Protein backbone atom coordinates (compact mmCIF):
# COMPACT_ATOMS: atom_id res chain seq x y z
CA UNK A 1 61.09 162.86 -10.08
CA UNK A 2 62.11 160.60 -7.18
CA UNK A 3 60.33 160.26 -3.82
CA UNK A 4 62.25 160.60 -0.55
CA UNK A 5 61.03 159.50 2.88
CA UNK A 6 62.77 160.79 6.02
CA UNK A 7 62.38 158.39 8.95
CA UNK A 8 62.86 160.64 11.97
CA UNK A 9 62.75 160.80 15.74
CA UNK A 10 60.13 163.16 17.17
CA UNK A 11 60.75 165.76 19.89
CA UNK A 12 57.99 168.40 19.92
CA UNK A 13 54.76 169.20 18.09
CA UNK A 14 56.71 172.09 16.59
CA UNK A 15 59.03 169.68 14.70
CA UNK A 16 57.59 170.48 11.23
CA UNK A 17 57.92 174.24 11.79
CA UNK A 18 61.45 173.88 13.18
CA UNK A 19 62.58 171.71 10.25
CA UNK A 20 61.13 174.23 7.78
CA UNK A 21 62.88 177.14 9.53
CA UNK A 22 66.21 175.30 9.58
CA UNK A 23 65.99 174.69 5.82
CA UNK A 24 64.36 177.88 4.53
CA UNK A 25 67.61 179.71 3.61
CA UNK A 26 69.71 176.85 2.29
CA UNK A 27 66.95 174.65 0.81
CA UNK A 28 63.81 176.79 0.36
CA UNK A 29 62.16 174.37 -2.09
CA UNK A 30 62.43 171.49 0.39
CA UNK A 31 61.35 173.77 3.24
CA UNK A 32 58.16 174.81 1.44
CA UNK A 33 57.19 171.48 -0.12
CA UNK A 34 58.03 168.85 2.49
CA UNK A 35 55.03 166.76 3.55
CA UNK A 36 54.75 165.92 7.25
CA UNK A 37 52.94 162.89 8.64
CA UNK A 38 51.75 164.21 11.99
CA UNK A 39 49.56 163.15 14.90
CA UNK A 40 46.12 164.68 15.37
CA UNK A 41 47.31 166.76 18.35
CA UNK A 42 49.14 169.19 16.08
CA UNK A 43 45.76 170.44 14.85
CA UNK A 44 43.63 169.91 17.98
CA UNK A 45 45.86 171.31 20.74
CA UNK A 46 45.43 175.14 20.75
CA UNK A 47 49.11 175.66 21.55
CA UNK A 48 50.26 173.41 18.69
CA UNK A 49 48.00 174.77 15.93
CA UNK A 50 50.18 177.84 15.16
CA UNK A 51 53.20 175.58 14.55
CA UNK A 52 51.18 173.60 11.99
CA UNK A 53 49.95 176.58 9.99
CA UNK A 54 51.55 176.84 6.56
CA UNK A 55 52.84 173.25 6.65
CA UNK A 56 51.78 170.38 4.37
CA UNK A 57 50.31 167.93 6.88
CA UNK A 58 48.83 164.47 6.58
CA UNK A 59 47.35 163.65 9.97
CA UNK A 60 47.19 160.18 11.50
CA UNK A 61 46.09 158.89 14.88
CA UNK A 62 48.96 157.41 16.88
CA UNK A 63 48.61 153.82 18.10
CA UNK A 64 49.33 154.94 21.65
CA UNK A 65 46.27 157.21 21.59
CA UNK A 66 44.04 154.97 19.46
CA UNK A 67 42.03 153.64 22.42
CA UNK A 68 41.95 156.76 24.63
CA UNK A 69 38.23 157.11 23.83
CA UNK A 70 36.84 153.65 22.93
CA UNK A 71 33.87 154.99 20.96
CA UNK A 72 36.24 156.93 18.65
CA UNK A 73 38.40 153.93 17.68
CA UNK A 74 36.57 153.11 14.45
CA UNK A 75 36.54 156.76 13.36
CA UNK A 76 40.30 156.98 13.95
CA UNK A 77 40.95 153.82 11.95
CA UNK A 78 38.92 155.14 9.00
CA UNK A 79 40.79 158.45 9.17
CA UNK A 80 44.15 156.64 9.13
CA UNK A 81 43.05 154.58 6.11
CA UNK A 82 42.12 157.78 4.24
CA UNK A 83 45.50 159.31 5.12
CA UNK A 84 47.35 156.26 3.77
CA UNK A 85 45.37 156.41 0.52
CA UNK A 86 46.11 160.13 0.17
CA UNK A 87 49.82 159.49 0.71
CA UNK A 88 49.81 156.74 -1.91
CA UNK A 89 48.26 159.14 -4.43
CA UNK A 90 50.83 161.85 -3.67
CA UNK A 91 53.77 159.46 -4.01
CA UNK A 92 52.43 158.18 -7.33
CA UNK A 93 53.24 161.57 -8.91
CA UNK A 94 56.88 161.45 -7.73
CA UNK A 95 59.06 164.38 -6.59
CA UNK A 96 57.73 164.18 -3.02
CA UNK A 97 59.70 164.42 0.21
CA UNK A 98 57.90 163.06 3.26
CA UNK A 99 58.83 163.32 6.96
CA UNK A 100 57.48 160.69 9.32
CA UNK A 101 58.19 159.84 12.97
CA UNK A 102 57.54 156.06 13.26
CA UNK A 103 57.66 156.11 17.07
CA UNK A 104 54.18 157.64 17.14
CA UNK A 105 55.21 159.81 20.08
CA UNK A 106 57.80 162.26 21.32
CA UNK A 107 61.22 161.43 22.73
CA UNK A 108 61.39 161.43 26.53
CA UNK A 109 64.21 161.14 29.08
CA UNK A 110 64.72 157.94 31.04
CA UNK A 111 62.72 158.31 34.29
CA UNK A 112 65.61 156.95 36.39
CA UNK A 113 68.74 158.39 34.76
CA UNK A 114 67.04 161.45 33.17
CA UNK A 115 69.19 160.75 30.11
CA UNK A 116 67.50 161.72 26.85
CA UNK A 117 67.10 159.07 24.16
CA UNK A 118 65.02 158.64 20.98
CA UNK A 119 61.73 156.81 21.39
CA UNK A 120 61.56 153.34 19.80
CA UNK A 121 60.33 153.15 16.22
CA UNK A 122 57.25 151.10 15.33
CA UNK A 123 58.41 148.57 12.75
CA UNK A 124 54.99 148.40 11.05
CA UNK A 125 55.06 152.17 10.41
CA UNK A 126 58.51 151.88 8.84
CA UNK A 127 57.40 148.98 6.68
CA UNK A 128 54.25 150.83 5.59
CA UNK A 129 56.43 153.61 4.17
CA UNK A 130 58.75 151.09 2.50
CA UNK A 131 55.75 149.47 0.83
CA UNK A 132 54.19 152.80 -0.19
CA UNK A 133 57.28 154.07 -1.96
CA UNK A 134 57.92 150.62 -3.46
CA UNK A 135 54.45 150.56 -5.05
CA UNK A 136 54.28 154.21 -6.07
CA UNK A 137 55.68 153.64 -9.56
CA UNK A 138 58.34 156.33 -9.02
CA UNK A 139 61.85 155.70 -7.72
CA UNK A 140 61.94 156.05 -3.93
CA UNK A 141 64.55 156.40 -1.19
CA UNK A 142 64.48 156.13 2.61
CA UNK A 143 66.84 158.20 4.77
CA UNK A 144 67.05 158.25 8.59
CA UNK A 145 66.96 161.76 10.06
CA UNK A 146 68.12 162.79 13.56
CA UNK A 147 66.36 165.86 14.95
CA UNK A 148 67.37 167.86 18.03
CA UNK A 149 64.97 170.52 19.32
CA UNK A 150 63.90 168.93 22.60
CA UNK A 151 64.64 171.91 24.87
CA UNK A 152 62.46 174.31 22.88
CA UNK A 153 59.21 172.70 24.05
CA UNK A 154 59.80 169.45 26.00
CA UNK A 155 56.95 166.96 26.38
CA UNK A 156 55.73 166.04 29.87
CA UNK A 157 57.59 163.11 31.51
CA UNK A 158 54.67 160.74 30.89
CA UNK A 159 52.27 160.28 27.99
CA UNK A 160 49.16 162.40 28.55
CA UNK A 161 45.76 161.35 27.22
CA UNK A 162 44.07 164.72 27.62
CA UNK A 163 44.64 167.74 25.37
CA UNK A 164 46.06 170.76 27.20
CA UNK A 165 49.19 169.40 28.87
CA UNK A 166 51.43 171.85 30.74
CA UNK A 167 54.17 173.35 28.55
CA UNK A 168 57.51 174.95 29.31
CA UNK A 169 59.08 176.80 26.37
CA UNK A 170 62.57 178.22 26.00
CA UNK A 171 64.93 179.74 23.45
CA UNK A 172 67.36 177.03 22.39
CA UNK A 173 69.46 175.77 19.51
CA UNK A 174 68.18 173.14 17.12
CA UNK A 175 69.69 170.89 14.50
CA UNK A 176 69.09 168.01 12.14
CA UNK A 177 71.30 165.45 10.44
CA UNK A 178 70.55 162.97 7.67
CA UNK A 179 72.22 159.55 7.79
CA UNK A 180 73.19 157.42 4.75
CA UNK A 181 70.33 156.02 2.68
CA UNK A 182 68.72 152.73 3.71
CA UNK A 183 68.78 150.05 0.98
CA UNK A 184 66.52 147.27 2.35
CA UNK A 185 67.08 144.97 -0.64
CA UNK A 186 70.89 145.13 -0.36
CA UNK A 187 70.83 144.60 3.41
CA UNK A 188 68.37 141.73 3.00
CA UNK A 189 70.60 139.94 0.46
CA UNK A 190 73.74 140.42 2.57
CA UNK A 191 72.05 139.26 5.79
CA UNK A 192 69.77 136.63 4.21
CA UNK A 193 66.62 138.20 5.66
CA UNK A 194 63.48 139.91 4.43
CA UNK A 195 63.51 143.59 3.41
CA UNK A 196 61.08 144.34 6.27
CA UNK A 197 63.43 142.86 8.89
CA UNK A 198 66.56 144.42 7.37
CA UNK A 199 65.00 147.89 7.31
CA UNK A 200 63.88 147.55 10.93
CA UNK A 201 67.31 146.35 12.15
CA UNK A 202 69.08 149.21 10.35
CA UNK A 203 66.81 151.76 12.01
CA UNK A 204 67.22 150.18 15.46
CA UNK A 205 70.98 150.58 15.01
CA UNK A 206 70.44 154.21 13.96
CA UNK A 207 68.32 154.88 17.09
CA UNK A 208 71.02 153.43 19.34
CA UNK A 209 73.80 155.54 17.80
CA UNK A 210 71.94 158.84 17.48
C-alpha cells in the first residue's frame, strides 16, 4: 500500500528497459509495474522507441531542452503540468514505485579528465517528488538509486538539441544499487533546516560518493 520513489542517476535512454531486465527474474512484480518518469526523447527518437515499448512511462520535457524551440515552450509546460497531475493521481492509490532521474539529462564524462561522474540533480525536481508523495494520502518513501549501464549506449560528449544523435552501442555489464532511505523530516530536525534543503543535501552527498 506504500509508494516508493527511486531518485536515480541517468545514463542512457535505455535505462527503463535495462532496469526492468535486471529485475525480471528476482523481482518480476517490480519489473513489470515500475513507473518511469522519462524525457520526451525516449518516444520521439527512432532508436530509443524500442527501449520504451512495454514500459510504464510518464513523459516530461527536460529543463535543458525546454527552450530548444521557443514556439514550443508553452506546449511543453502544459504537457509537464498534465504529467504531474497524472502522477499525483497514481500516487493517491498507493502501491506505486516510481523511477525518476532529477538531473534531467544523462551522465557524461568530464571533458578534461574523461572521468565519468553522475550529472547534478535538480533540487526542484527532487522536492516536487517529496511534495507529491507527502500529499498523496498514502505512506511514501524516497530511496536513492545508483545505476551503471553507461557503456551500453553512451551519450555524445555534449548535449545535442537535435533528434538523431550518433550512437555507439556495445555489449556490456550493468548494475544497480539502492542506498538507505531518505528521511527528510529526521534530517531536517537534526540539522535545523527545512525538509527541502535536507533532502537536497543528502542527495548531493549521494552523488559525490556514487
